[in-house]
PDB file of N, CA and C in Angstrom:
ATOM      1  N   MET A   1       4.003  -6.383 -10.122  1.00  0.00           N
ATOM      2  CA  MET A   1       2.726  -6.716 -10.928  1.00  0.00           C
ATOM      3  C   MET A   1       2.140  -5.873 -11.185  1.00  0.00           C
ATOM      4  N   GLY A   2       1.558  -6.313 -12.411  1.00  0.00           N
ATOM      5  CA  GLY A   2       0.676  -5.196 -12.921  1.00  0.00           C
ATOM      6  C   GLY A   2      -0.138  -6.306 -14.235  1.00  0.00           C
ATOM      7  N   VAL A   3      -0.884  -5.305 -14.992  1.00  0.00           N
ATOM      8  CA  VAL A   3      -1.483  -5.996 -16.129  1.00  0.00           C
ATOM      9  C   VAL A   3      -1.154  -4.935 -16.881  1.00  0.00           C
ATOM     10  N   THR A   4      -0.693  -5.857 -17.954  1.00  0.00           N
ATOM     11  CA  THR A   4      -1.288  -5.182 -19.399  1.00  0.00           C
ATOM     12  C   THR A   4      -2.618  -4.784 -19.808  1.00  0.00           C
ATOM     13  N   GLU A   5      -2.486  -3.587 -21.547  1.00  0.00           N
ATOM     14  CA  GLU A   5      -3.879  -3.611 -21.890  1.00  0.00           C
ATOM     15  C   GLU A   5      -4.511  -4.800 -22.529  1.00  0.00           C
ATOM     16  N   GLN A   6      -4.185  -5.729 -22.707  1.00  0.00           N
ATOM     17  CA  GLN A   6      -4.596  -7.024 -23.003  1.00  0.00           C
ATOM     18  C   GLN A   6      -4.791  -7.752 -22.014  1.00  0.00           C
ATOM     19  N   GLY A   7      -4.400  -7.486 -21.026  1.00  0.00           N
ATOM     20  CA  GLY A   7      -5.273  -8.151 -19.811  1.00  0.00           C
ATOM     21  C   GLY A   7      -4.257  -9.514 -19.129  1.00  0.00           C
ATOM     22  N   LEU A   8      -2.582  -9.096 -19.843  1.00  0.00           N
ATOM     23  CA  LEU A   8      -2.029 -10.241 -19.331  1.00  0.00           C
ATOM     24  C   LEU A   8      -1.219  -9.551 -18.068  1.00  0.00           C
ATOM     25  N   ALA A   9      -0.355 -10.515 -17.250  1.00  0.00           N
ATOM     26  CA  ALA A   9       0.033 -10.407 -15.823  1.00  0.00           C
ATOM     27  C   ALA A   9       1.136  -9.657 -16.588  1.00  0.00           C
ATOM     28  N   ALA A  10       2.414  -8.213 -15.678  1.00  0.00           N
ATOM     29  CA  ALA A  10       3.453  -8.178 -16.365  1.00  0.00           C
ATOM     30  C   ALA A  10       3.980  -7.837 -15.394  1.00  0.00           C
ATOM     31  N   ILE A  11       5.544  -7.947 -15.264  1.00  0.00           N
ATOM     32  CA  ILE A  11       6.610  -6.912 -14.443  1.00  0.00           C
ATOM     33  C   ILE A  11       6.399  -5.636 -14.810  1.00  0.00           C
ATOM     34  N   VAL A  12       6.148  -4.522 -13.838  1.00  0.00           N
ATOM     35  CA  VAL A  12       6.049  -3.212 -14.309  1.00  0.00           C
ATOM     36  C   VAL A  12       7.395  -2.409 -13.334  1.00  0.00           C
ATOM     37  N   LYS A  13       7.572  -1.328 -13.524  1.00  0.00           N
ATOM     38  CA  LYS A  13       8.004  -0.575 -12.479  1.00  0.00           C
ATOM     39  C   LYS A  13       7.918   0.976 -12.575  1.00  0.00           C
ATOM     40  N   THR A  14       7.522   1.645 -11.883  1.00  0.00           N
ATOM     41  CA  THR A  14       6.838   3.213 -11.058  1.00  0.00           C
ATOM     42  C   THR A  14       7.607   3.825 -10.694  1.00  0.00           C
ATOM     43  N   THR A  15       7.515   5.016 -10.665  1.00  0.00           N
ATOM     44  CA  THR A  15       8.512   5.832  -9.353  1.00  0.00           C
ATOM     45  C   THR A  15       7.558   5.733  -8.600  1.00  0.00           C
ATOM     46  N   GLY A  16       6.334   5.150  -8.044  1.00  0.00           N
ATOM     47  CA  GLY A  16       5.797   4.808  -6.983  1.00  0.00           C
ATOM     48  C   GLY A  16       4.559   5.840  -7.065  1.00  0.00           C
ATOM     49  N   ASN A  17       3.580   5.557  -5.644  1.00  0.00           N
ATOM     50  CA  ASN A  17       2.815   6.405  -5.704  1.00  0.00           C
ATOM     51  C   ASN A  17       2.380   7.070  -4.240  1.00  0.00           C
ATOM     52  N   LYS A  18       2.183   8.581  -4.434  1.00  0.00           N
ATOM     53  CA  LYS A  18       1.951   8.926  -2.833  1.00  0.00           C
ATOM     54  C   LYS A  18       1.393   9.076  -2.140  1.00  0.00           C
ATOM     55  N   ASP A  19       0.338   8.355  -2.554  1.00  0.00           N
ATOM     56  CA  ASP A  19      -1.448   7.882  -1.891  1.00  0.00           C
ATOM     57  C   ASP A  19      -0.995   6.719  -1.415  1.00  0.00           C
ATOM     58  N   VAL A  20       0.177   6.301  -0.677  1.00  0.00           N
ATOM     59  CA  VAL A  20       0.356   4.610  -0.657  1.00  0.00           C
ATOM     60  C   VAL A  20      -0.660   4.697   0.770  1.00  0.00           C
ATOM     61  N   HIS A  21      -1.075   3.703   1.470  1.00  0.00           N
ATOM     62  CA  HIS A  21      -1.295   2.908   2.348  1.00  0.00           C
ATOM     63  C   HIS A  21      -2.068   2.050   2.755  1.00  0.00           C
ATOM     64  N   VAL A  22      -1.474   1.434   3.804  1.00  0.00           N
ATOM     65  CA  VAL A  22      -1.646   0.131   4.355  1.00  0.00           C
ATOM     66  C   VAL A  22      -3.010  -0.653   5.317  1.00  0.00           C
ATOM     67  N   ILE A  23      -3.087  -1.615   4.861  1.00  0.00           N
ATOM     68  CA  ILE A  23      -4.347  -2.423   5.390  1.00  0.00           C
ATOM     69  C   ILE A  23      -3.837  -3.248   6.594  1.00  0.00           C
ATOM     70  N   LEU A  24      -4.351  -3.008   7.365  1.00  0.00           N
ATOM     71  CA  LEU A  24      -3.897  -3.890   8.559  1.00  0.00           C
ATOM     72  C   LEU A  24      -5.415  -4.529   8.604  1.00  0.00           C
ATOM     73  N   ARG A  25      -5.236  -6.021   8.324  1.00  0.00           N
ATOM     74  CA  ARG A  25      -6.489  -7.008   8.576  1.00  0.00           C
ATOM     75  C   ARG A  25      -5.964  -8.471   9.078  1.00  0.00           C
ATOM     76  N   GLY A  26      -5.030  -8.620   9.480  1.00  0.00           N
ATOM     77  CA  GLY A  26      -4.447  -9.486  10.139  1.00  0.00           C
ATOM     78  C   GLY A  26      -4.059 -11.256   8.947  1.00  0.00           C
ATOM     79  N   GLY A  27      -3.902 -11.962  10.041  1.00  0.00           N
ATOM     80  CA  GLY A  27      -3.373 -12.932   8.987  1.00  0.00           C
ATOM     81  C   GLY A  27      -3.203 -14.432   9.723  1.00  0.00           C
ATOM     82  N   SER A  28      -2.949 -15.380   9.336  1.00  0.00           N
ATOM     83  CA  SER A  28      -2.436 -16.681  10.365  1.00  0.00           C
ATOM     84  C   SER A  28      -1.884 -16.548  11.829  1.00  0.00           C
ATOM     85  N   LYS A  29      -1.423 -15.422  11.976  1.00  0.00           N
ATOM     86  CA  LYS A  29      -1.608 -15.374  13.563  1.00  0.00           C
ATOM     87  C   LYS A  29      -1.914 -14.650  14.304  1.00  0.00           C
ATOM     88  N   GLY A  30      -2.830 -13.824  13.638  1.00  0.00           N
ATOM     89  CA  GLY A  30      -4.323 -13.460  14.488  1.00  0.00           C
ATOM     90  C   GLY A  30      -4.356 -12.135  13.994  1.00  0.00           C
ATOM     91  N   PRO A  31      -4.947 -11.362  14.716  1.00  0.00           N
ATOM     92  CA  PRO A  31      -5.135 -10.210  13.806  1.00  0.00           C
ATOM     93  C   PRO A  31      -3.720  -9.184  14.636  1.00  0.00           C
ATOM     94  N   ASN A  32      -4.217  -7.944  14.136  1.00  0.00           N
ATOM     95  CA  ASN A  32      -2.511  -6.775  14.078  1.00  0.00           C
ATOM     96  C   ASN A  32      -3.297  -5.942  13.990  1.00  0.00           C
ATOM     97  N   TYR A  33      -4.328  -5.573  14.633  1.00  0.00           N
ATOM     98  CA  TYR A  33      -5.049  -4.220  14.181  1.00  0.00           C
ATOM     99  C   TYR A  33      -4.908  -3.392  16.067  1.00  0.00           C
ATOM    100  N   ALA A  34      -4.110  -3.881  16.964  1.00  0.00           N
ATOM    101  CA  ALA A  34      -3.456  -3.334  17.872  1.00  0.00           C
ATOM    102  C   ALA A  34      -2.622  -1.966  18.335  1.00  0.00           C
ATOM    103  N   ALA A  35      -2.900  -1.330  19.119  1.00  0.00           N
ATOM    104  CA  ALA A  35      -2.048   0.004  19.067  1.00  0.00           C
ATOM    105  C   ALA A  35      -0.690  -0.570  18.584  1.00  0.00           C
ATOM    106  N   GLU A  36       0.211  -0.991  19.434  1.00  0.00           N
ATOM    107  CA  GLU A  36       1.665  -1.393  18.653  1.00  0.00           C
ATOM    108  C   GLU A  36       1.520  -1.832  18.038  1.00  0.00           C
ATOM    109  N   HIS A  37       0.709  -2.791  16.696  1.00  0.00           N
ATOM    110  CA  HIS A  37       1.057  -2.899  15.823  1.00  0.00           C
ATOM    111  C   HIS A  37       1.032  -1.352  14.184  1.00  0.00           C
ATOM    112  N   VAL A  38      -0.231  -0.321  15.144  1.00  0.00           N
ATOM    113  CA  VAL A  38      -0.441   0.384  14.331  1.00  0.00           C
ATOM    114  C   VAL A  38       0.961   1.561  14.641  1.00  0.00           C
ATOM    115  N   LYS A  39       1.314   1.450  15.652  1.00  0.00           N
ATOM    116  CA  LYS A  39       2.477   2.191  16.047  1.00  0.00           C
ATOM    117  C   LYS A  39       3.535   1.889  15.082  1.00  0.00           C
ATOM    118  N   THR A  40       3.726   0.514  14.899  1.00  0.00           N
ATOM    119  CA  THR A  40       4.802  -0.286  13.839  1.00  0.00           C
ATOM    120  C   THR A  40       4.743   0.755  12.763  1.00  0.00           C
ATOM    121  N   VAL A  41       3.619  -0.054  12.245  1.00  0.00           N
ATOM    122  CA  VAL A  41       3.356   0.537  10.623  1.00  0.00           C
ATOM    123  C   VAL A  41       3.903   1.501  10.773  1.00  0.00           C
ATOM    124  N   ALA A  42       3.220   2.682  11.570  1.00  0.00           N
ATOM    125  CA  ALA A  42       3.211   4.373  11.263  1.00  0.00           C
ATOM    126  C   ALA A  42       4.950   4.497  11.049  1.00  0.00           C
ATOM    127  N   ALA A  43       5.327   4.209  11.796  1.00  0.00           N
ATOM    128  CA  ALA A  43       7.001   4.317  12.386  1.00  0.00           C
ATOM    129  C   ALA A  43       7.416   4.096  10.485  1.00  0.00           C
ATOM    130  N   ALA A  44       7.093   2.644  10.441  1.00  0.00           N
ATOM    131  CA  ALA A  44       8.325   2.180   9.298  1.00  0.00           C
ATOM    132  C   ALA A  44       7.435   3.099   7.981  1.00  0.00           C
ATOM    133  N   LEU A  45       6.045   3.281   7.695  1.00  0.00           N
ATOM    134  CA  LEU A  45       6.011   4.587   6.672  1.00  0.00           C
ATOM    135  C   LEU A  45       6.398   5.597   6.855  1.00  0.00           C
ATOM    136  N   GLU A  46       6.514   6.607   7.981  1.00  0.00           N
ATOM    137  CA  GLU A  46       7.541   7.628   8.322  1.00  0.00           C
ATOM    138  C   GLU A  46       8.947   7.377   8.068  1.00  0.00           C
ATOM    139  N   LYS A  47       9.556   6.968   8.251  1.00  0.00           N
ATOM    140  CA  LYS A  47      10.691   6.497   8.233  1.00  0.00           C
ATOM    141  C   LYS A  47      11.165   6.391   6.515  1.00  0.00           C
ATOM    142  N   SER A  48      10.278   5.434   5.608  1.00  0.00           N
ATOM    143  CA  SER A  48      11.143   5.180   4.421  1.00  0.00           C
ATOM    144  C   SER A  48      10.087   5.850   3.694  1.00  0.00           C
ATOM    145  N   ARG A  49       9.266   7.110   4.360  1.00  0.00           N
ATOM    146  CA  ARG A  49       8.386   8.122   3.542  1.00  0.00           C
ATOM    147  C   ARG A  49       8.306   9.800   4.581  1.00  0.00           C
ATOM    148  N   PRO A  50       9.324  10.202   4.489  1.00  0.00           N
ATOM    149  CA  PRO A  50       8.948  11.543   5.420  1.00  0.00           C
ATOM    150  C   PRO A  50       8.076  12.411   4.816  1.00  0.00           C
ATOM    151  N   GLN A  51       8.596  12.720   3.558  1.00  0.00           N
ATOM    152  CA  GLN A  51       7.663  13.387   2.993  1.00  0.00           C
ATOM    153  C   GLN A  51       6.033  13.471   2.786  1.00  0.00           C
ATOM    154  N   TYR A  52       5.504  12.262   3.418  1.00  0.00           N
ATOM    155  CA  TYR A  52       4.246  11.984   3.341  1.00  0.00           C
ATOM    156  C   TYR A  52       3.611  11.545   4.811  1.00  0.00           C
ATOM    157  N   LYS A  53       2.530  11.873   5.063  1.00  0.00           N
ATOM    158  CA  LYS A  53       1.715  11.162   6.328  1.00  0.00           C
ATOM    159  C   LYS A  53       1.421  10.147   6.317  1.00  0.00           C
ATOM    160  N   PRO A  54       1.642   9.589   7.081  1.00  0.00           N
ATOM    161  CA  PRO A  54       1.114   7.810   7.129  1.00  0.00           C
ATOM    162  C   PRO A  54      -0.409   7.542   7.131  1.00  0.00           C
ATOM    163  N   SER A  55      -0.692   6.703   5.806  1.00  0.00           N
ATOM    164  CA  SER A  55      -2.133   6.463   5.739  1.00  0.00           C
ATOM    165  C   SER A  55      -2.192   5.287   6.221  1.00  0.00           C
ATOM    166  N   ILE A  56      -3.037   4.683   7.397  1.00  0.00           N
ATOM    167  CA  ILE A  56      -3.006   3.471   7.768  1.00  0.00           C
ATOM    168  C   ILE A  56      -4.852   3.137   7.826  1.00  0.00           C
ATOM    169  N   MET A  57      -5.394   1.918   7.607  1.00  0.00           N
ATOM    170  CA  MET A  57      -6.704   1.409   7.614  1.00  0.00           C
ATOM    171  C   MET A  57      -6.572  -0.109   7.975  1.00  0.00           C
ATOM    172  N   ILE A  58      -7.690   0.144   9.061  1.00  0.00           N
ATOM    173  CA  ILE A  58      -7.867  -1.302   9.540  1.00  0.00           C
ATOM    174  C   ILE A  58      -9.076  -1.694   9.125  1.00  0.00           C
ATOM    175  N   ASP A  59      -8.884  -3.211   8.587  1.00  0.00           N
ATOM    176  CA  ASP A  59      -9.996  -3.774   7.776  1.00  0.00           C
ATOM    177  C   ASP A  59     -10.770  -4.241   9.108  1.00  0.00           C
ATOM    178  N   CYS A  60     -11.873  -3.969   9.193  1.00  0.00           N
ATOM    179  CA  CYS A  60     -13.180  -4.454  10.395  1.00  0.00           C
ATOM    180  C   CYS A  60     -14.467  -4.920   9.666  1.00  0.00           C
ATOM    181  N   SER A  61     -13.994  -5.622   8.715  1.00  0.00           N
ATOM    182  CA  SER A  61     -15.176  -6.884   8.941  1.00  0.00           C
ATOM    183  C   SER A  61     -15.181  -7.824   9.708  1.00  0.00           C
ATOM    184  N   ARG A  62     -16.396  -8.508   9.193  1.00  0.00           N
ATOM    185  CA  ARG A  62     -16.695  -9.840   9.995  1.00  0.00           C
ATOM    186  C   ARG A  62     -15.205 -10.895  10.289  1.00  0.00           C
ATOM    187  N   THR A  63     -15.014 -10.952   8.963  1.00  0.00           N
ATOM    188  CA  THR A  63     -13.868 -12.159   9.180  1.00  0.00           C
ATOM    189  C   THR A  63     -12.348 -11.506   9.900  1.00  0.00           C
ATOM    190  N   SER A  64     -12.083 -10.230   9.573  1.00  0.00           N
ATOM    191  CA  SER A  64     -11.044  -9.974  10.438  1.00  0.00           C
ATOM    192  C   SER A  64     -10.976  -9.548  11.959  1.00  0.00           C
ATOM    193  N   LEU A  65     -12.191  -9.171  12.154  1.00  0.00           N
ATOM    194  CA  LEU A  65     -12.713  -9.563  13.739  1.00  0.00           C
ATOM    195  C   LEU A  65     -13.413 -10.625  14.815  1.00  0.00           C
ATOM    196  N   LEU A  66     -13.108 -11.604  13.660  1.00  0.00           N
ATOM    197  CA  LEU A  66     -13.548 -12.893  13.831  1.00  0.00           C
ATOM    198  C   LEU A  66     -14.955 -12.831  14.752  1.00  0.00           C
ATOM    199  N   SER A  67     -15.706 -11.780  13.725  1.00  0.00           N
ATOM    200  CA  SER A  67     -17.149 -12.214  14.178  1.00  0.00           C
ATOM    201  C   SER A  67     -17.560 -11.630  14.897  1.00  0.00           C
ATOM    202  N   SER A  68     -17.018 -10.739  15.864  1.00  0.00           N
ATOM    203  CA  SER A  68     -17.043 -10.432  17.441  1.00  0.00           C
ATOM    204  C   SER A  68     -17.600  -8.438  17.056  1.00  0.00           C
ATOM    205  N   LEU A  69     -19.146  -8.979  17.635  1.00  0.00           N
ATOM    206  CA  LEU A  69     -19.536  -7.337  18.280  1.00  0.00           C
ATOM    207  C   LEU A  69     -18.953  -6.394  18.592  1.00  0.00           C
ATOM    208  N   PRO A  70     -18.430  -6.659  19.733  1.00  0.00           N
ATOM    209  CA  PRO A  70     -17.780  -5.971  20.933  1.00  0.00           C
ATOM    210  C   PRO A  70     -16.317  -5.974  20.390  1.00  0.00           C
ATOM    211  N   ARG A  71     -15.880  -6.727  19.124  1.00  0.00           N
ATOM    212  CA  ARG A  71     -14.532  -6.391  19.038  1.00  0.00           C
ATOM    213  C   ARG A  71     -14.795  -5.156  18.187  1.00  0.00           C
ATOM    214  N   PHE A  72     -15.856  -5.557  17.185  1.00  0.00           N
ATOM    215  CA  PHE A  72     -16.105  -4.321  15.916  1.00  0.00           C
ATOM    216  C   PHE A  72     -16.028  -2.882  16.726  1.00  0.00           C
ATOM    217  N   LEU A  73     -16.849  -3.226  17.413  1.00  0.00           N
ATOM    218  CA  LEU A  73     -17.425  -1.587  18.289  1.00  0.00           C
ATOM    219  C   LEU A  73     -15.775  -0.976  18.748  1.00  0.00           C
ATOM    220  N   LEU A  74     -15.129  -1.410  19.994  1.00  0.00           N
ATOM    221  CA  LEU A  74     -13.844  -1.468  20.124  1.00  0.00           C
ATOM    222  C   LEU A  74     -12.454  -0.452  19.168  1.00  0.00           C
ATOM    223  N   ILE A  75     -12.857  -1.459  18.165  1.00  0.00           N
ATOM    224  CA  ILE A  75     -11.942  -1.350  16.920  1.00  0.00           C
ATOM    225  C   ILE A  75     -12.135  -0.278  16.201  1.00  0.00           C
ATOM    226  N   SER A  76     -13.684  -0.438  15.685  1.00  0.00           N
ATOM    227  CA  SER A  76     -13.772   1.017  14.940  1.00  0.00           C
ATOM    228  C   SER A  76     -14.296   2.278  15.546  1.00  0.00           C
ATOM    229  N   SER A  77     -14.518   2.382  16.790  1.00  0.00           N
ATOM    230  CA  SER A  77     -14.828   3.874  17.168  1.00  0.00           C
ATOM    231  C   SER A  77     -13.287   4.347  17.715  1.00  0.00           C
ATOM    232  N   GLY A  78     -12.058   3.748  17.676  1.00  0.00           N
ATOM    233  CA  GLY A  78     -10.581   4.401  17.343  1.00  0.00           C
ATOM    234  C   GLY A  78      -9.865   4.833  17.853  1.00  0.00           C
TER     235      GLY A  78
END
């Protein structure tokens, strides 16, 4: 999906983006920022794009961390 110059939704095709990254922010099944989640995502990125280093961002917002200061300190210290 993309947006046209007129601001309308459109289906677009590109050659890709070498700066791709994945943001782990959890979902209906809970958080996904544990070490095993990061390793799984890194392995998938390395497999699909071996010429690039995997870039992974962890969403440390209050909602993603269930408003827990101890959890924030643990996750953000990395």
